[in-house]
């Protein structure tokens, strides 16, 4: 993988760079927001690791400019010392794909970066697959075990975000934000739509793919494959 690290804390940046380079990856590094945005726009990376608080331009502004002012869709993992729901929602709203709170384990950072890089590759193919479930995002055709499944637009949005994140759990608030944006539904809407997904994706088949993490969120995963 080719990774860009935008982080003004030199110790954290050095630890990340050393860890990933030891794994055989290629890294570039920027210590301020303006330089980091320049690197992100003028080079191709598999993933960007982006600190929230930066001199020159903060991580939220970098992410917004990357998403709205350029044609770059590079996955962004945002780092922050702030563990509040408001900060996380601001990060996702700016276009971040994942979020980690400092301090963090480098092994978990590696796992999340790998998932984002793989997700980008899957997105470029436009066909998402989890177990025997397939979703062609070009044609909006969903199949499980080769059987076509009819879905409404909201169900397709939910399915897309869950499959892109697989096998990770997607928090409830993140799903609601990505599917409904600022026009948030009532508190039962997400649960109702997930129930509808289960009725057409899981119930007709032997193995469930949609899983609930109570109090956290949902994920789509083939647990037999994940446990290997």
Protein backbone atom coordinates (compact mmCIF):
# COMPACT_ATOMS: atom_id res chain seq x y z
CA UNK A 1 0.00 0.00 0.00
CA UNK A 2 0.96 3.62 -0.52
CA UNK A 3 -0.07 5.67 2.52
CA UNK A 4 0.00 9.39 3.27
CA UNK A 5 0.37 10.38 6.94
CA UNK A 6 -0.65 13.96 7.81
CA UNK A 7 0.25 14.41 11.48
CA UNK A 8 2.01 17.26 13.32
CA UNK A 9 3.08 15.14 16.31
CA UNK A 10 6.47 13.91 15.16
CA UNK A 11 6.59 10.99 17.62
CA UNK A 12 3.19 9.63 16.51
CA UNK A 13 4.06 10.14 12.86
CA UNK A 14 7.42 8.40 13.24
CA UNK A 15 5.81 5.42 14.97
CA UNK A 16 3.24 5.06 12.19
CA UNK A 17 5.79 5.45 9.40
CA UNK A 18 8.27 3.01 10.96
CA UNK A 19 5.57 0.43 11.66
CA UNK A 20 4.12 0.43 8.14
CA UNK A 21 7.49 0.66 6.36
CA UNK A 22 8.64 -2.40 8.31
CA UNK A 23 5.60 -4.17 6.79
CA UNK A 24 6.78 -3.27 3.28
CA UNK A 25 4.45 -0.33 2.61
CA UNK A 26 5.38 3.02 1.03
CA UNK A 27 4.68 6.16 3.08
CA UNK A 28 4.76 9.91 2.56
CA UNK A 29 4.57 12.34 5.46
CA UNK A 30 3.36 15.90 5.99
CA UNK A 31 3.49 17.82 9.28
CA UNK A 32 0.95 20.55 8.41
CA UNK A 33 -2.42 20.74 6.72
CA UNK A 34 -1.45 22.78 3.65
CA UNK A 35 1.43 20.48 2.71
CA UNK A 36 -0.71 17.45 3.44
CA UNK A 37 -3.52 18.63 1.16
CA UNK A 38 -0.98 19.33 -1.61
CA UNK A 39 0.39 15.77 -1.34
CA UNK A 40 -3.13 14.30 -1.24
CA UNK A 41 -4.19 16.15 -4.39
CA UNK A 42 -1.03 15.73 -6.47
CA UNK A 43 -0.29 12.07 -5.68
CA UNK A 44 -2.25 8.82 -5.63
CA UNK A 45 -2.50 7.01 -2.29
CA UNK A 46 -4.37 3.93 -1.18
CA UNK A 47 -5.23 5.50 2.21
CA UNK A 48 -4.68 8.83 3.98
CA UNK A 49 -4.12 8.84 7.76
CA UNK A 50 -5.21 12.35 8.76
CA UNK A 51 -4.87 14.10 12.13
CA UNK A 52 -7.79 16.34 13.11
CA UNK A 53 -5.82 19.20 14.70
CA UNK A 54 -3.11 20.51 12.36
CA UNK A 55 -1.28 23.80 11.80
CA UNK A 56 -2.19 25.71 8.65
CA UNK A 57 -5.41 23.80 7.92
CA UNK A 58 -7.24 21.32 10.14
CA UNK A 59 -8.22 17.79 9.19
CA UNK A 60 -11.91 18.61 8.68
CA UNK A 61 -11.08 21.32 6.15
CA UNK A 62 -8.59 19.08 4.34
CA UNK A 63 -11.18 16.32 4.07
CA UNK A 64 -13.88 18.69 2.81
CA UNK A 65 -11.59 20.16 0.15
CA UNK A 66 -10.45 16.70 -0.91
CA UNK A 67 -14.05 15.51 -1.32
CA UNK A 68 -15.66 18.63 -2.81
CA UNK A 69 -12.90 20.51 -4.67
CA UNK A 70 -11.06 17.58 -6.29
CA UNK A 71 -11.92 14.28 -7.96
CA UNK A 72 -9.99 12.31 -5.32
CA UNK A 73 -11.89 9.54 -3.52
CA UNK A 74 -8.91 8.31 -1.48
CA UNK A 75 -10.11 6.69 1.78
CA UNK A 76 -9.41 8.85 4.83
CA UNK A 77 -8.87 7.57 8.37
CA UNK A 78 -9.07 10.48 10.80
CA UNK A 79 -7.08 10.59 14.06
CA UNK A 80 -8.10 12.70 17.03
CA UNK A 81 -7.63 13.03 20.76
CA UNK A 82 -11.31 13.99 21.13
CA UNK A 83 -13.71 11.15 21.85
CA UNK A 84 -17.07 12.88 21.52
CA UNK A 85 -20.04 12.01 19.32
CA UNK A 86 -20.12 15.55 17.92
CA UNK A 87 -16.48 15.35 16.80
CA UNK A 88 -17.04 11.95 15.20
CA UNK A 89 -20.12 13.16 13.32
CA UNK A 90 -18.20 16.20 12.09
CA UNK A 91 -15.46 13.90 10.83
CA UNK A 92 -17.87 11.65 8.94
CA UNK A 93 -19.78 14.67 7.61
CA UNK A 94 -16.55 16.11 6.19
CA UNK A 95 -16.02 12.90 4.21
CA UNK A 96 -13.86 10.75 6.49
CA UNK A 97 -14.26 6.98 6.07
CA UNK A 98 -13.09 5.91 9.52
CA UNK A 99 -12.17 7.43 12.86
CA UNK A 100 -9.68 6.47 15.58
CA UNK A 101 -9.13 8.09 18.97
CA UNK A 102 -5.63 8.59 20.37
CA UNK A 103 -3.93 6.71 21.89
CA UNK A 104 -4.40 3.70 19.63
CA UNK A 105 -2.75 0.35 18.94
CA UNK A 106 -0.73 0.25 15.74
CA UNK A 107 -2.09 -3.24 15.02
CA UNK A 108 -5.66 -1.91 14.99
CA UNK A 109 -4.59 1.03 12.83
CA UNK A 110 -3.07 -1.43 10.36
CA UNK A 111 -6.27 -3.52 10.31
CA UNK A 112 -8.45 -0.48 9.66
CA UNK A 113 -6.12 0.89 6.96
CA UNK A 114 -6.12 -2.51 5.23
CA UNK A 115 -9.93 -2.61 5.27
CA UNK A 116 -10.12 0.89 3.75
CA UNK A 117 -7.63 -0.01 1.02
CA UNK A 118 -9.53 -3.20 0.19
CA UNK A 119 -12.83 -1.32 0.23
CA UNK A 120 -11.43 1.14 -2.30
CA UNK A 121 -10.43 -1.72 -4.57
CA UNK A 122 -13.89 -3.25 -4.23
CA UNK A 123 -15.51 0.10 -4.97
CA UNK A 124 -13.47 0.49 -8.15
CA UNK A 125 -14.85 -2.83 -9.31
CA UNK A 126 -18.35 -1.62 -8.39
CA UNK A 127 -19.37 -5.11 -7.31
CA UNK A 128 -19.55 -5.63 -3.55
CA UNK A 129 -19.49 -9.17 -2.18
CA UNK A 130 -19.89 -10.66 1.29
CA UNK A 131 -20.16 -14.44 1.38
CA UNK A 132 -22.72 -15.42 -1.27
CA UNK A 133 -24.30 -11.93 -1.27
CA UNK A 134 -23.47 -9.68 -4.25
CA UNK A 135 -24.42 -6.08 -5.00
CA UNK A 136 -23.57 -4.53 -8.36
CA UNK A 137 -23.61 -0.78 -7.65
CA UNK A 138 -23.68 0.02 -11.37
CA UNK A 139 -26.87 -1.90 -12.12
CA UNK A 140 -28.35 -1.92 -8.56
CA UNK A 141 -28.79 -5.68 -8.88
CA UNK A 142 -28.58 -7.63 -5.62
CA UNK A 143 -28.19 -11.41 -5.60
CA UNK A 144 -27.72 -14.00 -2.91
CA UNK A 145 -26.61 -17.50 -3.91
CA UNK A 146 -27.39 -16.42 -7.47
CA UNK A 147 -30.99 -15.50 -6.63
CA UNK A 148 -32.06 -11.90 -7.48
CA UNK A 149 -33.42 -9.80 -4.60
CA UNK A 150 -35.72 -6.81 -5.10
CA UNK A 151 -34.91 -3.86 -2.83
CA UNK A 152 -36.15 -0.30 -2.29
CA UNK A 153 -33.78 2.73 -2.52
CA UNK A 154 -33.29 3.06 1.25
CA UNK A 155 -32.53 -0.64 1.56
CA UNK A 156 -29.95 -0.32 -1.22
CA UNK A 157 -28.23 2.59 0.59
CA UNK A 158 -28.07 0.66 3.84
CA UNK A 159 -26.81 -2.46 2.09
CA UNK A 160 -24.09 -0.52 0.27
CA UNK A 161 -22.68 1.09 3.42
CA UNK A 162 -22.80 -2.15 5.39
CA UNK A 163 -21.13 -4.16 2.62
CA UNK A 164 -18.45 -1.52 2.04
CA UNK A 165 -17.57 -1.63 5.75
CA UNK A 166 -17.67 -5.44 6.06
CA UNK A 167 -16.64 -7.11 8.33
CA UNK A 168 -16.55 -4.06 10.63
CA UNK A 169 -19.50 -2.94 12.73
CA UNK A 170 -21.04 0.34 11.50
CA UNK A 171 -22.35 2.54 14.37
CA UNK A 172 -26.05 3.42 14.28
CA UNK A 173 -25.42 7.16 14.05
CA UNK A 174 -23.02 6.69 11.12
CA UNK A 175 -25.56 4.62 9.17
CA UNK A 176 -28.28 7.18 9.83
CA UNK A 177 -26.02 10.05 8.73
CA UNK A 178 -24.92 8.32 5.52
CA UNK A 179 -28.42 7.17 4.53
CA UNK A 180 -30.55 10.14 5.59
CA UNK A 181 -28.02 12.97 5.96
CA UNK A 182 -29.22 15.93 8.03
CA UNK A 183 -32.87 14.89 7.67
CA UNK A 184 -32.62 12.32 10.43
CA UNK A 185 -35.57 9.90 10.73
CA UNK A 186 -37.35 8.98 13.94
CA UNK A 187 -35.53 6.69 16.35
CA UNK A 188 -37.16 3.48 15.05
CA UNK A 189 -36.55 4.02 11.32
CA UNK A 190 -33.14 2.38 11.16
CA UNK A 191 -34.28 -0.62 13.18
CA UNK A 192 -37.32 -1.04 10.90
CA UNK A 193 -35.20 -0.91 7.74
CA UNK A 194 -32.66 -3.37 9.16
CA UNK A 195 -35.57 -5.70 9.97
CA UNK A 196 -36.67 -5.36 6.34
CA UNK A 197 -33.16 -6.19 5.10
CA UNK A 198 -33.09 -9.32 7.24
CA UNK A 199 -36.46 -10.42 5.87
CA UNK A 200 -35.20 -10.52 2.28
CA UNK A 201 -31.46 -11.16 2.68
CA UNK A 202 -31.29 -13.61 5.60
CA UNK A 203 -34.62 -15.34 6.25
CA UNK A 204 -34.86 -17.20 2.90
CA UNK A 205 -31.35 -18.61 3.40
CA UNK A 206 -29.62 -20.92 5.87
CA UNK A 207 -26.87 -18.55 7.08
CA UNK A 208 -27.53 -15.05 8.48
CA UNK A 209 -25.21 -12.30 7.25
CA UNK A 210 -26.66 -9.29 9.10
CA UNK A 211 -25.53 -9.09 12.72
CA UNK A 212 -26.44 -6.68 15.53
CA UNK A 213 -23.99 -5.35 18.11
CA UNK A 214 -26.44 -4.22 20.75
CA UNK A 215 -25.97 -0.63 21.79
CA UNK A 216 -23.42 -0.06 18.99
CA UNK A 217 -24.63 -0.81 15.47
CA UNK A 218 -24.80 -3.41 12.70
CA UNK A 219 -22.56 -5.29 10.32
CA UNK A 220 -22.80 -7.62 7.34
CA UNK A 221 -20.32 -10.47 7.53
CA UNK A 222 -19.89 -14.14 6.81
CA UNK A 223 -18.75 -15.14 10.30
CA UNK A 224 -17.35 -18.44 9.04
CA UNK A 225 -15.01 -16.52 6.73
CA UNK A 226 -14.14 -13.89 9.36
CA UNK A 227 -13.13 -16.55 11.90
CA UNK A 228 -10.69 -18.26 9.54
